[in-house]
Amino acid sequence: MLLRLLRLVLGLALFGVGCAVLVQAGIGLDPWTVLAEGLTVQTGIGIGWIVVIVGAAVLLLWVPLRQRPGIGTVANILLVGTVMQAALAVIPTVDGFGWGVVVYLFGIALIALASAMYIGTGFGPGPRDGLMTGLHARLGWPIWVCRLLVEGTVLFAGWLLGGTVGLGTVLFAALIGPAVHVAMDLATRRARPVARSPITAH
């Protein structure tokens, strides 16, 4: 249990760092961060704190969908945005579009690794993922339709508010799924020999 909790905390912290890297790359953001940045533009509140606030607001939408949060859900809300805000204070803005693409890809890799770490703990989905699965359960729509509807709405709203939409938005949409799949596959392969160890089994 302690090791799982440690993986959860480290994974969520790394996720926050990865999100900060995407912001500082300056070539576009994923839909939810576009919304957070747009709200930051309109309110002046730090984007990391906005991420916390939006996560809590999304969690409230779980109530009519009859979803139950886990430890990981609450930790996701509290840690990702907080670490992201702290990381933005020390990670410099990237100069140049080419370097921005390179740094952005590195940020996607960090987020993929972080996702594999905290998803593997089984402590519950993040608030946004739970919203998708909740809509799927209540309405019977395919997951991809729920995700497209929610993230499309969030992206459009964030863009109207002043969030950054660009090449990074496309890269994130295209790469994050495969990247997380690869990271989780690698994590599973590493865990298999340990699971067969007679010392561990004992």
Foldseek 3Di string as FASTA:
>chain_A
DVVLVVLLLVLLLLLLLLQLLLVLLPFFHALQLLLLVLVCLVPVDQSLVSQLVVQVVLLVVVVVLVDDFFPSQNSNSPRNSVSNSVNNVPDHRDPDNVVSVVSNVVSLLSNLLSCLRNVVSVRGDYSVLSSLVSCCVPVVDDSVVSCCVVSVVSNVNSVVSPGGHHPSNVCCVPPNVVSNVVNNVVVVVVVVVVVPDPVNVD
